[in-house]
Protein backbone atom coordinates (compact mmCIF):
# COMPACT_ATOMS: atom_id res chain seq x y z
CA GLN A 1 -13.12 207.30 85.16
CA VAL A 2 -9.76 208.46 86.45
CA GLN A 3 -8.02 206.04 88.77
CA LEU A 4 -4.98 206.57 90.95
CA VAL A 5 -3.96 203.21 92.39
CA GLU A 6 -1.68 203.40 95.42
CA SER A 7 0.33 200.63 97.00
CA GLY A 8 3.27 200.12 99.33
CA GLY A 9 2.01 201.27 102.71
CA GLY A 10 2.44 199.25 105.86
CA LEU A 11 4.01 199.05 109.29
CA VAL A 12 7.67 199.89 109.75
CA GLN A 13 9.94 200.66 112.69
CA ALA A 14 11.31 204.12 113.24
CA GLY A 15 14.43 204.63 111.14
CA GLY A 16 13.18 202.25 108.48
CA ALA A 17 12.09 202.83 104.90
CA LEU A 18 9.09 202.30 102.66
CA ARG A 19 8.33 203.01 99.03
CA LEU A 20 4.87 204.04 97.92
CA SER A 21 3.66 203.67 94.35
CA CYS A 22 0.86 205.42 92.47
CA ALA A 23 -0.13 204.11 89.07
CA THR A 24 -2.50 205.84 86.70
CA SER A 25 -3.46 206.02 83.04
CA PRO A 26 -1.09 207.42 80.42
CA ASP A 27 -3.33 210.38 79.56
CA ILE A 28 -3.29 211.50 83.19
CA PHE A 29 0.33 210.74 83.91
CA SER A 30 1.66 212.58 80.87
CA VAL A 31 0.00 215.97 81.50
CA TYR A 32 -0.98 216.20 85.16
CA ASP A 33 1.18 217.35 88.03
CA MET A 34 1.49 214.47 90.48
CA ALA A 35 1.87 214.70 94.22
CA TRP A 36 1.70 212.85 97.52
CA TYR A 37 -0.24 214.21 100.46
CA ARG A 38 -0.76 212.77 103.90
CA GLN A 39 -3.29 213.10 106.67
CA ALA A 40 -2.83 212.04 110.26
CA PRO A 41 -5.80 211.71 112.66
CA GLY A 42 -6.93 215.14 113.83
CA ASN A 43 -4.69 216.92 111.33
CA GLN A 44 -5.30 218.62 108.01
CA ARG A 45 -4.13 217.00 104.81
CA GLU A 46 -0.64 218.27 103.98
CA LEU A 47 1.59 218.22 100.96
CA VAL A 48 4.44 215.74 101.21
CA ALA A 49 6.01 215.99 97.76
CA ARG A 50 5.13 217.11 94.25
CA ILE A 51 6.58 216.47 90.82
CA ARG A 52 5.94 218.67 87.78
CA GLY A 53 7.73 217.23 84.80
CA TRP A 54 11.08 216.56 86.39
CA SER A 55 10.88 219.40 88.90
CA THR A 56 10.21 218.43 92.51
CA ASP A 57 9.39 220.11 95.77
CA TYR A 58 8.83 218.83 99.29
CA GLY A 59 7.17 219.67 102.55
CA ASP A 60 9.63 220.99 105.11
CA SER A 61 9.19 218.03 107.45
CA VAL A 62 10.32 215.47 104.86
CA LYS A 63 13.11 217.30 103.04
CA GLY A 64 16.25 215.20 102.90
CA ARG A 65 14.40 212.02 103.88
CA PHE A 66 11.77 211.48 101.16
CA THR A 67 12.21 211.40 97.40
CA ILE A 68 9.49 211.62 94.76
CA SER A 69 10.21 210.18 91.33
CA ARG A 70 8.43 209.02 88.21
CA ASP A 71 8.68 206.15 85.76
CA ASN A 72 7.23 207.29 82.46
CA ALA A 73 7.26 203.78 81.01
CA LYS A 74 5.06 202.53 83.85
CA ASN A 75 2.91 205.65 84.33
CA THR A 76 3.82 205.47 87.99
CA VAL A 77 4.95 207.93 90.61
CA TYR A 78 6.95 206.76 93.61
CA LEU A 79 7.60 208.12 97.06
CA GLN A 80 10.73 206.72 98.66
CA MET A 81 10.56 207.35 102.39
CA ASN A 82 13.75 206.90 104.43
CA SER A 83 14.59 207.54 108.07
CA LEU A 84 10.94 207.24 108.98
CA ARG A 85 9.72 208.76 112.23
CA SER A 86 6.64 208.14 114.30
CA GLU A 87 5.30 211.53 113.19
CA ASP A 88 5.25 210.26 109.60
CA THR A 89 2.37 207.97 110.55
CA ALA A 90 -0.60 208.92 108.37
CA VAL A 91 -2.74 207.93 105.43
CA TYR A 92 -0.85 208.85 102.28
CA TYR A 93 -2.80 209.96 99.21
CA CYS A 94 -1.75 210.21 95.61
CA ASN A 95 -2.94 213.36 93.83
CA ALA A 96 -3.13 214.45 90.20
CA VAL A 97 -3.98 218.03 89.25
CA ARG A 98 -4.19 220.07 86.08
CA GLY A 99 -5.94 223.42 86.17
CA PRO A 100 -9.43 222.91 87.63
CA TYR A 101 -9.20 219.13 87.41
CA GLU A 102 -8.04 217.20 90.45
CA TYR A 103 -8.11 213.53 91.38
CA TRP A 104 -7.24 211.55 94.49
CA GLY A 105 -6.32 207.99 95.22
CA GLN A 106 -7.99 205.96 97.92
CA GLY A 107 -5.09 206.35 100.34
CA THR A 108 -2.61 203.93 101.84
CA GLN A 109 -1.81 203.67 105.54
CA VAL A 110 1.76 204.17 106.74
CA THR A 111 2.41 203.39 110.38
CA VAL A 112 5.80 204.00 111.98
CA SER A 113 6.38 202.38 115.34
CA SER A 114 8.82 203.92 117.79
C-alpha cells in the first residue's frame, strides 16, 4: 500500500513561514513526479508546486514565495512556504503521479491568521 505521510502544517501569522514535509517509500519517490496541492473551503483543489526530477514549477499565486525541494536520502519532498498570506489557508496535500497511477496523502491543515 502506497503511503504519503505529510507533516508540518499548523497556525502561523501572516508574513510568517512554514515547511511541509511528505515522506514516502523509495520505490515511489525515485520514479514518481511529486507535487503539493491545496484546497480551501468552497474551492477546487489547485496545484501549488511540482517537482519532476530536479525540475520545478509553481502555481502563479505562490511563485517567489514557496519552494519545493527533495531529499533523495530521506525519500522526502518539502514545501517551504514564506511570506504567508491569509489566502494561503487551506488543507495541503502531497501527490505522487506516474502515468495512470496517482496517490494522495491525507492532507495537513495550514492556517494563516491576519
